[in-house]
Amino acid sequence: MLRQASRLLGRTTTLRGCRAFSSEVPATASEDSTFIESWKKVIPNIEPPKTPSSFMAPRPQTPTSIPTKLTVNFVLPYASELSTAEVDMVIIPATSGQMGVLPGHVPTIAELKPGILSVHEENDVKKYFLSSGFAYIHANSVADIIAVEAVPVDHIDPSLVQKGLAEYTQQLSSATTDLEKAEAQIGVDVHSALNAALTG
């Protein structure tokens, strides 16, 4: 096998049928000329049907230089907290860990966990406690943050957080069914994250 390694590594590999990366997809919608020609041969009297790509908006152009600001849209089911806000950075509580997003960040989709969303604009920092949601970071330095529930950190009462944490911890220790354990564990996780947000 090792004798063949140099021969195998020396081969030029071409991948046929591979999907293009999103950065290689054309910014303008293109028609499938082969399909249209085949359609017109079989049914010349009827216009060819529209394909899914003809209904999609073209992909936004990736800027040639990194912008100085990050555009943030932060929405909840009942309100829009930030709409096209130009900021320096956001720190997102992703399930994989805290994620700092600056202008020019690689396109990413991240699931959010209970934690603090920090929005940095020069010396001003706004902090929100999020319960869950998703963050979509686009190649054109736009971040869409969709949360199920969010509240500014300065609106949280520390005594109620401590009380809730104690209640859910007691419920978790006395839970008998899997459903009761799961509900109590969610309460403990959320209140622990709230407590960490207030103390840290």
Protein backbone atom coordinates (compact mmCIF):
# COMPACT_ATOMS: atom_id res chain seq x y z
CA MET A 1 0.00 0.00 0.00
CA LEU A 2 2.80 2.44 0.86
CA ARG A 3 4.47 1.71 -2.47
CA GLN A 4 1.34 2.91 -4.25
CA ALA A 5 0.89 5.99 -2.07
CA SER A 6 3.06 8.28 -4.21
CA ARG A 7 1.22 7.15 -7.34
CA LEU A 8 -2.18 7.67 -5.71
CA LEU A 9 -1.28 11.07 -4.27
CA GLY A 10 0.16 12.19 -7.58
CA ARG A 11 -3.15 11.76 -9.38
CA THR A 12 -5.14 14.84 -10.17
CA THR A 13 -8.55 14.43 -8.70
CA THR A 14 -11.57 15.93 -10.31
CA LEU A 15 -14.87 15.74 -8.53
CA ARG A 16 -17.76 15.33 -10.91
CA GLY A 17 -21.26 16.15 -9.75
CA CYS A 18 -20.08 18.15 -6.73
CA ARG A 19 -22.24 20.99 -5.54
CA ALA A 20 -20.69 24.43 -5.70
CA PHE A 21 -19.99 26.36 -2.55
CA SER A 22 -22.46 29.18 -1.87
CA SER A 23 -19.74 31.70 -2.72
CA GLU A 24 -19.45 30.09 -6.19
CA VAL A 25 -23.17 30.28 -6.95
CA PRO A 26 -23.92 33.10 -9.39
CA ALA A 27 -25.49 36.19 -7.84
CA THR A 28 -28.06 36.36 -10.64
CA ALA A 29 -30.60 33.63 -11.29
CA SER A 30 -29.80 31.48 -14.31
CA GLU A 31 -32.12 29.43 -16.49
CA ASP A 32 -31.59 25.76 -17.21
CA SER A 33 -31.17 26.04 -20.98
CA THR A 34 -31.01 22.25 -21.47
CA PHE A 35 -34.38 21.81 -19.78
CA ILE A 36 -35.98 24.65 -21.75
CA GLU A 37 -34.69 23.30 -25.09
CA SER A 38 -35.95 19.79 -24.27
CA TRP A 39 -39.32 21.19 -23.20
CA LYS A 40 -39.75 23.17 -26.41
CA LYS A 41 -38.96 20.07 -28.50
CA VAL A 42 -41.63 18.04 -26.74
CA ILE A 43 -44.28 20.72 -26.11
CA PRO A 44 -43.59 23.74 -28.35
CA ASN A 45 -47.01 25.39 -27.77
CA ILE A 46 -46.72 25.74 -23.96
CA GLU A 47 -44.28 27.87 -22.02
CA PRO A 48 -41.90 25.83 -19.83
CA PRO A 49 -42.75 25.78 -16.11
CA LYS A 50 -40.85 27.88 -13.65
CA THR A 51 -38.21 26.07 -11.62
CA PRO A 52 -37.61 26.78 -7.90
CA SER A 53 -34.53 28.87 -8.68
CA SER A 54 -36.63 31.30 -10.74
CA PHE A 55 -38.67 32.15 -7.62
CA MET A 56 -35.64 32.74 -5.40
CA ALA A 57 -34.18 36.16 -4.82
CA PRO A 58 -30.64 36.47 -6.10
CA ARG A 59 -27.91 35.96 -3.52
CA PRO A 60 -26.60 39.29 -2.19
CA GLN A 61 -23.22 40.26 -3.52
CA THR A 62 -20.31 39.49 -1.22
CA PRO A 63 -18.48 42.77 -0.61
CA THR A 64 -14.97 43.05 -2.01
CA SER A 65 -13.76 44.72 1.20
CA ILE A 66 -14.81 44.12 4.79
CA PRO A 67 -17.34 46.72 5.99
CA THR A 68 -16.56 48.70 9.13
CA LYS A 69 -19.93 47.89 10.75
CA LEU A 70 -22.07 44.80 11.23
CA THR A 71 -25.76 45.15 10.35
CA VAL A 72 -27.91 43.42 12.99
CA ASN A 73 -31.58 42.43 12.87
CA PHE A 74 -32.76 41.12 16.24
CA VAL A 75 -36.37 39.93 16.26
CA LEU A 76 -38.76 38.20 18.63
CA PRO A 77 -42.15 36.67 17.77
CA TYR A 78 -43.89 39.78 19.12
CA ALA A 79 -41.38 42.60 18.51
CA SER A 80 -38.36 43.77 16.58
CA GLU A 81 -35.67 44.81 19.06
CA LEU A 82 -33.10 45.90 16.45
CA SER A 83 -33.74 46.53 12.78
CA THR A 84 -30.77 47.15 10.46
CA ALA A 85 -28.73 48.46 13.40
CA GLU A 86 -25.13 49.25 12.51
CA VAL A 87 -22.93 47.92 15.33
CA ASP A 88 -19.27 47.03 15.93
CA MET A 89 -19.80 43.50 17.26
CA VAL A 90 -22.29 41.08 18.79
CA ILE A 91 -21.56 38.20 21.15
CA ILE A 92 -24.06 35.36 20.74
CA PRO A 93 -24.78 32.54 23.23
CA ALA A 94 -24.54 29.64 20.76
CA THR A 95 -24.93 26.02 21.85
CA SER A 96 -21.30 25.48 20.83
CA GLY A 97 -20.17 28.34 23.10
CA GLN A 98 -20.00 32.12 23.09
CA MET A 99 -19.56 33.37 19.52
CA GLY A 100 -18.22 36.83 18.73
CA VAL A 101 -19.37 38.21 15.38
CA LEU A 102 -17.53 41.05 13.68
CA PRO A 103 -17.98 42.54 10.19
CA GLY A 104 -16.73 40.06 7.58
CA HIS A 105 -17.57 36.98 9.69
CA VAL A 106 -17.83 33.70 7.80
CA PRO A 107 -21.47 32.77 6.94
CA THR A 108 -22.84 30.68 9.79
CA ILE A 109 -26.07 29.33 11.26
CA ALA A 110 -25.97 28.87 15.03
CA GLU A 111 -28.53 27.53 17.48
CA LEU A 112 -28.88 29.74 20.54
CA LYS A 113 -29.00 28.56 24.16
CA PRO A 114 -30.13 30.47 27.25
CA GLY A 115 -27.58 33.21 27.79
CA ILE A 116 -26.53 36.78 27.16
CA LEU A 117 -26.59 38.50 23.77
CA SER A 118 -24.22 41.49 23.89
CA VAL A 119 -24.54 44.22 21.26
CA HIS A 120 -21.44 46.45 21.14
CA GLU A 121 -21.62 49.89 19.57
CA GLU A 122 -18.47 51.91 20.31
CA ASN A 123 -18.43 52.25 24.13
CA ASP A 124 -22.11 51.33 24.56
CA VAL A 125 -23.00 47.69 25.31
CA LYS A 126 -26.62 46.49 25.35
CA LYS A 127 -27.21 43.11 26.94
CA TYR A 128 -30.24 40.89 26.48
CA PHE A 129 -31.01 37.55 28.09
CA LEU A 130 -32.19 35.06 25.42
CA SER A 131 -34.06 31.84 26.06
CA SER A 132 -33.34 30.15 22.71
CA GLY A 133 -33.43 30.75 18.97
CA PHE A 134 -31.16 30.92 15.95
CA ALA A 135 -28.56 33.30 14.53
CA TYR A 136 -27.91 33.58 10.81
CA ILE A 137 -24.65 35.29 9.85
CA HIS A 138 -24.53 36.24 6.17
CA ALA A 139 -21.50 36.81 3.93
CA ASN A 140 -22.44 40.48 3.43
CA SER A 141 -21.89 41.28 7.16
CA VAL A 142 -25.56 41.02 8.13
CA ALA A 143 -26.56 39.10 11.26
CA ASP A 144 -30.18 37.99 11.72
CA ILE A 145 -30.85 36.93 15.32
CA ILE A 146 -34.22 35.29 15.97
CA ALA A 147 -35.05 34.56 19.62
CA VAL A 148 -38.07 32.89 21.19
CA GLU A 149 -37.92 35.15 24.24
CA ALA A 150 -35.58 37.97 25.24
CA VAL A 151 -35.42 40.63 27.93
CA PRO A 152 -32.87 43.37 28.64
CA VAL A 153 -30.61 42.25 31.50
CA ASP A 154 -31.32 45.38 33.54
CA HIS A 155 -35.04 44.41 33.66
CA ILE A 156 -34.33 41.11 35.49
CA ASP A 157 -35.00 40.93 39.25
CA PRO A 158 -32.15 38.98 40.94
CA SER A 159 -34.30 37.91 43.91
CA LEU A 160 -36.88 36.31 41.60
CA VAL A 161 -34.10 34.48 39.75
CA GLN A 162 -32.75 33.04 43.03
CA LYS A 163 -36.27 32.06 44.10
CA GLY A 164 -36.99 30.36 40.75
CA LEU A 165 -33.66 28.52 40.81
CA ALA A 166 -34.39 27.17 44.30
CA GLU A 167 -37.91 26.07 43.27
CA TYR A 168 -36.79 24.28 40.10
CA THR A 169 -33.87 22.62 41.91
CA GLN A 170 -36.31 21.28 44.52
CA GLN A 171 -38.71 20.12 41.75
CA LEU A 172 -35.84 18.35 40.00
CA SER A 173 -34.83 16.45 43.13
CA SER A 174 -38.42 15.38 43.83
CA ALA A 175 -39.46 14.60 40.21
CA THR A 176 -40.70 11.05 39.63
CA THR A 177 -41.58 10.94 35.91
CA ASP A 178 -39.38 11.70 32.93
CA LEU A 179 -41.66 14.62 31.97
CA GLU A 180 -41.37 16.19 35.43
CA LYS A 181 -37.57 15.75 35.35
CA ALA A 182 -37.31 17.32 31.88
CA GLU A 183 -39.48 20.31 32.83
CA ALA A 184 -37.56 20.86 36.07
CA GLN A 185 -34.20 20.52 34.26
CA ILE A 186 -35.23 23.20 31.73
CA GLY A 187 -36.18 25.49 34.63
CA VAL A 188 -32.86 24.86 36.37
CA ASP A 189 -30.89 25.49 33.13
CA VAL A 190 -32.70 28.77 32.37
CA HIS A 191 -32.48 30.09 35.92
CA SER A 192 -28.82 29.06 36.20
CA ALA A 193 -28.09 30.96 32.98
CA LEU A 194 -30.04 33.97 34.31
CA ASN A 195 -28.09 33.82 37.58
CA ALA A 196 -24.78 33.61 35.72
CA ALA A 197 -25.82 36.58 33.55
CA LEU A 198 -26.55 38.70 36.61
CA THR A 199 -23.48 37.73 38.61
CA GLY A 200 -20.97 37.51 35.74
